[in-house]
PDB file of N, CA and C in Angstrom:
ATOM      1  N   MET A   1    -265.570  71.175  94.420  1.00  0.00           N
ATOM      2  CA  MET A   1    -264.197  70.959  94.872  1.00  0.00           C
ATOM      3  C   MET A   1    -263.616  70.168  93.552  1.00  0.00           C
ATOM      4  N   HIS A   2    -262.073  70.658  93.438  1.00  0.00           N
ATOM      5  CA  HIS A   2    -261.673  70.045  92.239  1.00  0.00           C
ATOM      6  C   HIS A   2    -260.458  69.149  92.606  1.00  0.00           C
ATOM      7  N   TYR A   3    -260.129  68.186  91.977  1.00  0.00           N
ATOM      8  CA  TYR A   3    -258.902  67.301  92.222  1.00  0.00           C
ATOM      9  C   TYR A   3    -257.645  67.948  91.970  1.00  0.00           C
ATOM     10  N   THR A   4    -256.741  67.653  92.877  1.00  0.00           N
ATOM     11  CA  THR A   4    -255.477  68.591  92.152  1.00  0.00           C
ATOM     12  C   THR A   4    -254.713  67.511  91.288  1.00  0.00           C
ATOM     13  N   ILE A   5    -253.593  67.908  90.479  1.00  0.00           N
ATOM     14  CA  ILE A   5    -252.795  67.307  89.648  1.00  0.00           C
ATOM     15  C   ILE A   5    -252.728  65.816  90.190  1.00  0.00           C
ATOM     16  N   PHE A   6    -251.815  65.997  91.665  1.00  0.00           N
ATOM     17  CA  PHE A   6    -251.414  64.997  92.159  1.00  0.00           C
ATOM     18  C   PHE A   6    -252.416  63.701  92.301  1.00  0.00           C
ATOM     19  N   GLU A   7    -253.667  64.260  92.732  1.00  0.00           N
ATOM     20  CA  GLU A   7    -254.790  63.186  92.793  1.00  0.00           C
ATOM     21  C   GLU A   7    -255.189  62.520  91.586  1.00  0.00           C
ATOM     22  N   LEU A   8    -255.271  63.515  90.328  1.00  0.00           N
ATOM     23  CA  LEU A   8    -255.515  63.035  89.133  1.00  0.00           C
ATOM     24  C   LEU A   8    -254.372  62.029  88.616  1.00  0.00           C
ATOM     25  N   ASP A   9    -253.360  62.245  89.089  1.00  0.00           N
ATOM     26  CA  ASP A   9    -252.128  61.465  88.688  1.00  0.00           C
ATOM     27  C   ASP A   9    -252.316  60.098  89.339  1.00  0.00           C
ATOM     28  N   GLN A  10    -252.814  60.250  90.462  1.00  0.00           N
ATOM     29  CA  GLN A  10    -252.855  58.744  91.183  1.00  0.00           C
ATOM     30  C   GLN A  10    -254.210  57.923  90.751  1.00  0.00           C
ATOM     31  N   TYR A  11    -255.095  58.940  90.390  1.00  0.00           N
ATOM     32  CA  TYR A  11    -256.349  58.235  89.472  1.00  0.00           C
ATOM     33  C   TYR A  11    -255.741  57.564  88.374  1.00  0.00           C
ATOM     34  N   ARG A  12    -255.345  58.123  87.606  1.00  0.00           N
ATOM     35  CA  ARG A  12    -254.686  57.791  86.237  1.00  0.00           C
ATOM     36  C   ARG A  12    -253.714  56.723  86.320  1.00  0.00           C
ATOM     37  N   ASN A  13    -253.042  56.403  87.349  1.00  0.00           N
ATOM     38  CA  ASN A  13    -252.107  55.263  87.552  1.00  0.00           C
ATOM     39  C   ASN A  13    -252.639  54.439  88.317  1.00  0.00           C
ATOM     40  N   HIS A  14    -253.927  54.418  88.524  1.00  0.00           N
ATOM     41  CA  HIS A  14    -254.635  53.366  89.468  1.00  0.00           C
ATOM     42  C   HIS A  14    -254.082  53.214  90.938  1.00  0.00           C
ATOM     43  N   VAL A  15    -253.353  54.192  91.490  1.00  0.00           N
ATOM     44  CA  VAL A  15    -252.950  54.196  92.710  1.00  0.00           C
ATOM     45  C   VAL A  15    -253.670  54.420  93.911  1.00  0.00           C
ATOM     46  N   MET A  16    -254.774  55.379  93.428  1.00  0.00           N
ATOM     47  CA  MET A  16    -255.933  55.800  94.237  1.00  0.00           C
ATOM     48  C   MET A  16    -256.528  54.618  94.615  1.00  0.00           C
ATOM     49  N   SER A  17    -257.160  54.687  95.973  1.00  0.00           N
ATOM     50  CA  SER A  17    -258.062  53.462  96.650  1.00  0.00           C
ATOM     51  C   SER A  17    -259.414  53.677  95.793  1.00  0.00           C
ATOM     52  N   TRP A  18    -259.872  52.362  95.776  1.00  0.00           N
ATOM     53  CA  TRP A  18    -261.145  51.885  94.828  1.00  0.00           C
ATOM     54  C   TRP A  18    -262.177  52.878  95.285  1.00  0.00           C
ATOM     55  N   PHE A  19    -262.247  53.228  96.422  1.00  0.00           N
ATOM     56  CA  PHE A  19    -263.299  53.944  97.115  1.00  0.00           C
ATOM     57  C   PHE A  19    -263.278  55.432  96.828  1.00  0.00           C
ATOM     58  N   ARG A  20    -261.737  56.051  96.824  1.00  0.00           N
ATOM     59  CA  ARG A  20    -261.652  57.591  96.180  1.00  0.00           C
ATOM     60  C   ARG A  20    -262.149  57.665  94.560  1.00  0.00           C
ATOM     61  N   ARG A  21    -261.370  56.391  94.069  1.00  0.00           N
ATOM     62  CA  ARG A  21    -261.557  56.036  92.529  1.00  0.00           C
ATOM     63  C   ARG A  21    -262.993  56.513  91.984  1.00  0.00           C
ATOM     64  N   ILE A  22    -264.086  55.918  92.876  1.00  0.00           N
ATOM     65  CA  ILE A  22    -265.314  55.914  92.396  1.00  0.00           C
ATOM     66  C   ILE A  22    -265.778  57.305  92.430  1.00  0.00           C
ATOM     67  N   PHE A  23    -265.664  57.809  93.556  1.00  0.00           N
ATOM     68  CA  PHE A  23    -265.817  59.419  93.486  1.00  0.00           C
ATOM     69  C   PHE A  23    -265.142  60.381  92.659  1.00  0.00           C
ATOM     70  N   CYS A  24    -263.991  60.074  92.327  1.00  0.00           N
ATOM     71  CA  CYS A  24    -263.067  60.887  91.264  1.00  0.00           C
ATOM     72  C   CYS A  24    -263.834  60.560  90.049  1.00  0.00           C
ATOM     73  N   ARG A  25    -263.975  59.196  89.735  1.00  0.00           N
ATOM     74  CA  ARG A  25    -264.784  58.972  88.170  1.00  0.00           C
ATOM     75  C   ARG A  25    -266.113  59.777  88.255  1.00  0.00           C
ATOM     76  N   LEU A  26    -266.864  59.764  89.254  1.00  0.00           N
ATOM     77  CA  LEU A  26    -268.174  60.621  89.377  1.00  0.00           C
ATOM     78  C   LEU A  26    -267.786  62.021  88.846  1.00  0.00           C
ATOM     79  N   HIS A  27    -266.967  62.487  89.848  1.00  0.00           N
ATOM     80  CA  HIS A  27    -266.576  63.957  89.592  1.00  0.00           C
ATOM     81  C   HIS A  27    -265.902  64.359  88.170  1.00  0.00           C
ATOM     82  N   LEU A  28    -265.370  63.395  87.380  1.00  0.00           N
ATOM     83  CA  LEU A  28    -264.866  63.603  86.179  1.00  0.00           C
ATOM     84  C   LEU A  28    -265.782  63.576  85.151  1.00  0.00           C
ATOM     85  N   GLN A  29    -266.997  62.869  85.497  1.00  0.00           N
ATOM     86  CA  GLN A  29    -268.025  62.836  84.371  1.00  0.00           C
ATOM     87  C   GLN A  29    -268.668  64.180  84.325  1.00  0.00           C
ATOM     88  N   HIS A  30    -268.636  64.900  85.557  1.00  0.00           N
ATOM     89  CA  HIS A  30    -269.423  66.369  85.301  1.00  0.00           C
ATOM     90  C   HIS A  30    -268.288  67.562  85.649  1.00  0.00           C
ATOM     91  N   CYS A  31    -267.147  67.318  85.576  1.00  0.00           N
ATOM     92  CA  CYS A  31    -266.272  68.523  85.787  1.00  0.00           C
ATOM     93  C   CYS A  31    -265.466  68.494  84.418  1.00  0.00           C
ATOM     94  N   HIS A  32    -265.580  69.437  83.710  1.00  0.00           N
ATOM     95  CA  HIS A  32    -264.654  69.683  82.459  1.00  0.00           C
ATOM     96  C   HIS A  32    -263.271  70.016  82.783  1.00  0.00           C
ATOM     97  N   ARG A  33    -263.049  70.938  83.992  1.00  0.00           N
ATOM     98  CA  ARG A  33    -261.886  71.326  84.319  1.00  0.00           C
ATOM     99  C   ARG A  33    -260.909  70.124  84.486  1.00  0.00           C
ATOM    100  N   CYS A  34    -261.620  69.279  85.402  1.00  0.00           N
ATOM    101  CA  CYS A  34    -260.465  68.187  85.685  1.00  0.00           C
ATOM    102  C   CYS A  34    -260.365  67.204  84.761  1.00  0.00           C
ATOM    103  N   ARG A  35    -261.467  67.159  83.678  1.00  0.00           N
ATOM    104  CA  ARG A  35    -261.049  66.129  82.480  1.00  0.00           C
ATOM    105  C   ARG A  35    -260.202  66.625  81.735  1.00  0.00           C
ATOM    106  N   GLU A  36    -260.087  68.166  81.593  1.00  0.00           N
ATOM    107  CA  GLU A  36    -259.039  68.703  80.769  1.00  0.00           C
ATOM    108  C   GLU A  36    -257.344  68.386  81.365  1.00  0.00           C
ATOM    109  N   ARG A  37    -257.509  68.541  82.752  1.00  0.00           N
ATOM    110  CA  ARG A  37    -256.053  68.515  83.530  1.00  0.00           C
ATOM    111  C   ARG A  37    -255.754  67.216  83.385  1.00  0.00           C
ATOM    112  N   LEU A  38    -256.584  66.046  83.574  1.00  0.00           N
ATOM    113  CA  LEU A  38    -256.424  64.535  83.486  1.00  0.00           C
ATOM    114  C   LEU A  38    -255.849  64.519  81.814  1.00  0.00           C
ATOM    115  N   THR A  39    -256.513  65.303  81.116  1.00  0.00           N
ATOM    116  CA  THR A  39    -256.081  64.908  79.358  1.00  0.00           C
ATOM    117  C   THR A  39    -254.660  65.457  79.287  1.00  0.00           C
ATOM    118  N   ARG A  40    -254.334  66.513  79.946  1.00  0.00           N
ATOM    119  CA  ARG A  40    -253.164  67.198  79.732  1.00  0.00           C
ATOM    120  C   ARG A  40    -252.087  66.197  80.634  1.00  0.00           C
ATOM    121  N   LEU A  41    -252.334  65.668  81.459  1.00  0.00           N
ATOM    122  CA  LEU A  41    -251.309  64.659  82.267  1.00  0.00           C
ATOM    123  C   LEU A  41    -251.016  63.523  81.100  1.00  0.00           C
ATOM    124  N   ARG A  42    -252.241  63.174  80.456  1.00  0.00           N
ATOM    125  CA  ARG A  42    -251.940  61.947  79.619  1.00  0.00           C
ATOM    126  C   ARG A  42    -251.100  62.355  78.451  1.00  0.00           C
ATOM    127  N   LEU A  43    -251.320  63.499  78.008  1.00  0.00           N
ATOM    128  CA  LEU A  43    -250.544  63.888  76.874  1.00  0.00           C
ATOM    129  C   LEU A  43    -249.089  64.342  77.197  1.00  0.00           C
ATOM    130  N   ASP A  44    -248.941  64.819  78.297  1.00  0.00           N
ATOM    131  CA  ASP A  44    -247.391  64.730  78.789  1.00  0.00           C
ATOM    132  C   ASP A  44    -246.922  63.304  78.949  1.00  0.00           C
ATOM    133  N   ASP A  45    -247.555  62.279  79.267  1.00  0.00           N
ATOM    134  CA  ASP A  45    -247.090  61.072  79.174  1.00  0.00           C
ATOM    135  C   ASP A  45    -246.507  60.578  77.907  1.00  0.00           C
ATOM    136  N   ILE A  46    -247.399  61.051  76.843  1.00  0.00           N
ATOM    137  CA  ILE A  46    -246.893  60.747  75.457  1.00  0.00           C
ATOM    138  C   ILE A  46    -245.915  61.421  74.915  1.00  0.00           C
ATOM    139  N   LEU A  47    -245.843  62.757  75.243  1.00  0.00           N
ATOM    140  CA  LEU A  47    -244.685  63.413  75.015  1.00  0.00           C
ATOM    141  C   LEU A  47    -243.487  63.040  75.688  1.00  0.00           C
ATOM    142  N   ILE A  48    -243.292  62.581  76.956  1.00  0.00           N
ATOM    143  CA  ILE A  48    -242.266  62.118  77.563  1.00  0.00           C
ATOM    144  C   ILE A  48    -241.705  60.682  76.779  1.00  0.00           C
ATOM    145  N   LEU A  49    -242.798  60.064  76.390  1.00  0.00           N
ATOM    146  CA  LEU A  49    -242.240  58.839  76.136  1.00  0.00           C
ATOM    147  C   LEU A  49    -241.919  58.794  74.435  1.00  0.00           C
ATOM    148  N   ASP A  50    -242.424  60.120  73.851  1.00  0.00           N
ATOM    149  CA  ASP A  50    -241.928  60.224  72.238  1.00  0.00           C
ATOM    150  C   ASP A  50    -240.456  60.726  72.626  1.00  0.00           C
ATOM    151  N   LEU A  51    -240.125  61.432  73.629  1.00  0.00           N
ATOM    152  CA  LEU A  51    -238.750  62.203  73.948  1.00  0.00           C
ATOM    153  C   LEU A  51    -237.628  61.168  74.122  1.00  0.00           C
ATOM    154  N   LYS A  52    -238.082  60.249  74.921  1.00  0.00           N
ATOM    155  CA  LYS A  52    -237.342  58.903  75.411  1.00  0.00           C
ATOM    156  C   LYS A  52    -236.913  58.360  74.018  1.00  0.00           C
ATOM    157  N   LYS A  53    -238.158  58.010  73.237  1.00  0.00           N
ATOM    158  CA  LYS A  53    -237.604  57.205  72.065  1.00  0.00           C
ATOM    159  C   LYS A  53    -236.735  57.981  71.028  1.00  0.00           C
ATOM    160  N   SER A  54    -236.997  59.311  71.087  1.00  0.00           N
ATOM    161  CA  SER A  54    -236.241  60.194  70.095  1.00  0.00           C
ATOM    162  C   SER A  54    -234.869  59.885  70.659  1.00  0.00           C
ATOM    163  N   GLU A  55    -234.596  60.287  72.024  1.00  0.00           N
ATOM    164  CA  GLU A  55    -233.383  60.294  72.464  1.00  0.00           C
ATOM    165  C   GLU A  55    -232.326  58.877  72.300  1.00  0.00           C
ATOM    166  N   GLN A  56    -233.075  57.792  72.196  1.00  0.00           N
ATOM    167  CA  GLN A  56    -232.976  56.369  72.121  1.00  0.00           C
ATOM    168  C   GLN A  56    -232.374  56.305  70.624  1.00  0.00           C
ATOM    169  N   LYS A  57    -233.189  56.912  69.673  1.00  0.00           N
ATOM    170  CA  LYS A  57    -232.670  56.924  68.200  1.00  0.00           C
ATOM    171  C   LYS A  57    -231.639  57.797  67.707  1.00  0.00           C
ATOM    172  N   MET A  58    -231.331  58.844  68.526  1.00  0.00           N
ATOM    173  CA  MET A  58    -230.561  59.863  68.327  1.00  0.00           C
ATOM    174  C   MET A  58    -229.054  59.132  68.868  1.00  0.00           C
ATOM    175  N   ASP A  59    -229.252  58.372  69.767  1.00  0.00           N
ATOM    176  CA  ASP A  59    -227.925  57.631  70.521  1.00  0.00           C
ATOM    177  C   ASP A  59    -227.013  58.947  70.945  1.00  0.00           C
ATOM    178  N   ILE A  60    -227.441  59.700  71.869  1.00  0.00           N
ATOM    179  CA  ILE A  60    -226.715  60.860  72.353  1.00  0.00           C
ATOM    180  C   ILE A  60    -226.028  60.301  73.475  1.00  0.00           C
ATOM    181  N   PRO A  61    -224.655  60.343  73.551  1.00  0.00           N
ATOM    182  CA  PRO A  61    -223.862  59.993  74.766  1.00  0.00           C
ATOM    183  C   PRO A  61    -224.253  60.427  75.965  1.00  0.00           C
ATOM    184  N   GLU A  62    -224.054  59.840  77.086  1.00  0.00           N
ATOM    185  CA  GLU A  62    -224.529  60.220  78.448  1.00  0.00           C
ATOM    186  C   GLU A  62    -223.434  61.201  78.957  1.00  0.00           C
ATOM    187  N   ASN A  63    -222.189  60.910  78.468  1.00  0.00           N
ATOM    188  CA  ASN A  63    -220.899  61.634  78.911  1.00  0.00           C
ATOM    189  C   ASN A  63    -221.209  63.217  78.191  1.00  0.00           C
ATOM    190  N   PRO A  64    -221.279  64.257  78.950  1.00  0.00           N
ATOM    191  CA  PRO A  64    -221.249  65.453  78.491  1.00  0.00           C
ATOM    192  C   PRO A  64    -219.991  65.718  77.427  1.00  0.00           C
ATOM    193  N   LEU A  65    -218.820  65.512  77.879  1.00  0.00           N
ATOM    194  CA  LEU A  65    -217.809  66.030  77.135  1.00  0.00           C
ATOM    195  C   LEU A  65    -217.819  65.096  75.690  1.00  0.00           C
ATOM    196  N   GLU A  66    -218.330  63.874  75.771  1.00  0.00           N
ATOM    197  CA  GLU A  66    -218.536  63.163  74.474  1.00  0.00           C
ATOM    198  C   GLU A  66    -219.397  63.954  73.551  1.00  0.00           C
ATOM    199  N   TYR A  67    -220.514  64.286  74.351  1.00  0.00           N
ATOM    200  CA  TYR A  67    -221.608  65.098  73.641  1.00  0.00           C
ATOM    201  C   TYR A  67    -221.144  66.276  72.646  1.00  0.00           C
ATOM    202  N   HIS A  68    -220.311  67.307  73.600  1.00  0.00           N
ATOM    203  CA  HIS A  68    -219.655  68.263  73.189  1.00  0.00           C
ATOM    204  C   HIS A  68    -218.667  67.927  71.943  1.00  0.00           C
ATOM    205  N   ARG A  69    -218.046  67.019  72.130  1.00  0.00           N
ATOM    206  CA  ARG A  69    -217.012  66.697  71.035  1.00  0.00           C
ATOM    207  C   ARG A  69    -217.717  66.222  69.747  1.00  0.00           C
ATOM    208  N   LEU A  70    -219.049  65.683  69.850  1.00  0.00           N
ATOM    209  CA  LEU A  70    -219.607  65.349  68.595  1.00  0.00           C
ATOM    210  C   LEU A  70    -220.278  66.663  68.161  1.00  0.00           C
ATOM    211  N   CYS A  71    -220.652  67.576  69.028  1.00  0.00           N
ATOM    212  CA  CYS A  71    -221.260  68.950  68.458  1.00  0.00           C
ATOM    213  C   CYS A  71    -220.169  69.620  67.744  1.00  0.00           C
ATOM    214  N   ASP A  72    -218.983  69.690  68.267  1.00  0.00           N
ATOM    215  CA  ASP A  72    -217.851  70.385  67.711  1.00  0.00           C
ATOM    216  C   ASP A  72    -217.586  69.824  66.187  1.00  0.00           C
ATOM    217  N   ILE A  73    -217.587  68.453  66.142  1.00  0.00           N
ATOM    218  CA  ILE A  73    -217.363  67.843  65.051  1.00  0.00           C
ATOM    219  C   ILE A  73    -218.394  68.215  63.746  1.00  0.00           C
ATOM    220  N   PHE A  74    -219.607  68.025  64.257  1.00  0.00           N
ATOM    221  CA  PHE A  74    -220.695  68.520  63.241  1.00  0.00           C
ATOM    222  C   PHE A  74    -220.761  69.868  62.917  1.00  0.00           C
ATOM    223  N   HIS A  75    -220.137  70.835  63.855  1.00  0.00           N
ATOM    224  CA  HIS A  75    -220.466  72.130  63.609  1.00  0.00           C
ATOM    225  C   HIS A  75    -219.215  72.493  62.600  1.00  0.00           C
ATOM    226  N   ASP A  76    -218.052  71.849  62.820  1.00  0.00           N
ATOM    227  CA  ASP A  76    -216.974  71.778  61.776  1.00  0.00           C
ATOM    228  C   ASP A  76    -217.094  71.326  60.546  1.00  0.00           C
ATOM    229  N   GLU A  77    -217.872  70.289  60.294  1.00  0.00           N
ATOM    230  CA  GLU A  77    -218.440  70.004  58.918  1.00  0.00           C
ATOM    231  C   GLU A  77    -219.243  70.663  58.289  1.00  0.00           C
ATOM    232  N   MET A  78    -220.355  71.486  59.149  1.00  0.00           N
ATOM    233  CA  MET A  78    -221.347  72.512  58.594  1.00  0.00           C
ATOM    234  C   MET A  78    -220.328  73.216  57.891  1.00  0.00           C
ATOM    235  N   LYS A  79    -219.266  73.743  58.543  1.00  0.00           N
ATOM    236  CA  LYS A  79    -218.616  75.009  58.017  1.00  0.00           C
ATOM    237  C   LYS A  79    -217.936  74.817  56.637  1.00  0.00           C
ATOM    238  N   GLU A  80    -217.519  73.565  56.652  1.00  0.00           N
ATOM    239  CA  GLU A  80    -216.671  73.092  55.589  1.00  0.00           C
ATOM    240  C   GLU A  80    -217.518  73.054  54.290  1.00  0.00           C
ATOM    241  N   HIS A  81    -218.736  72.470  54.443  1.00  0.00           N
ATOM    242  CA  HIS A  81    -219.649  72.437  53.609  1.00  0.00           C
ATOM    243  C   HIS A  81    -220.765  73.520  52.924  1.00  0.00           C
ATOM    244  N   LYS A  82    -220.177  74.638  53.583  1.00  0.00           N
ATOM    245  CA  LYS A  82    -221.253  75.755  53.228  1.00  0.00           C
ATOM    246  C   LYS A  82    -220.677  76.482  51.846  1.00  0.00           C
ATOM    247  N   SER A  83    -221.729  76.797  51.178  1.00  0.00           N
ATOM    248  CA  SER A  83    -221.403  77.276  49.800  1.00  0.00           C
ATOM    249  C   SER A  83    -220.846  78.565  49.787  1.00  0.00           C
ATOM    250  N   THR A  84    -219.676  79.131  49.043  1.00  0.00           N
ATOM    251  CA  THR A  84    -218.894  80.244  49.201  1.00  0.00           C
ATOM    252  C   THR A  84    -219.708  81.055  47.831  1.00  0.00           C
ATOM    253  N   VAL A  85    -220.797  80.730  47.061  1.00  0.00           N
ATOM    254  CA  VAL A  85    -221.098  81.041  46.112  1.00  0.00           C
ATOM    255  C   VAL A  85    -222.051  82.164  46.244  1.00  0.00           C
TER     256      VAL A  85
END
């Protein structure tokens, strides 16, 4: 028996009951497949956190029209600065 992604997520976030956590922990000690899945969940969390930080640094407007306006401005500037040599 393997744990589902949902169950592993519950384990990882300490939402699983203490009784089920014990069995899950024992299972993880012997099951490479479930450990790998748990690791992928943790890596996904890191990726999501990095993306959120990047979004904050880029300060992308939430308004799609404003975002497209900025894209158009930068696109036009790139055209102006291209070398013709």
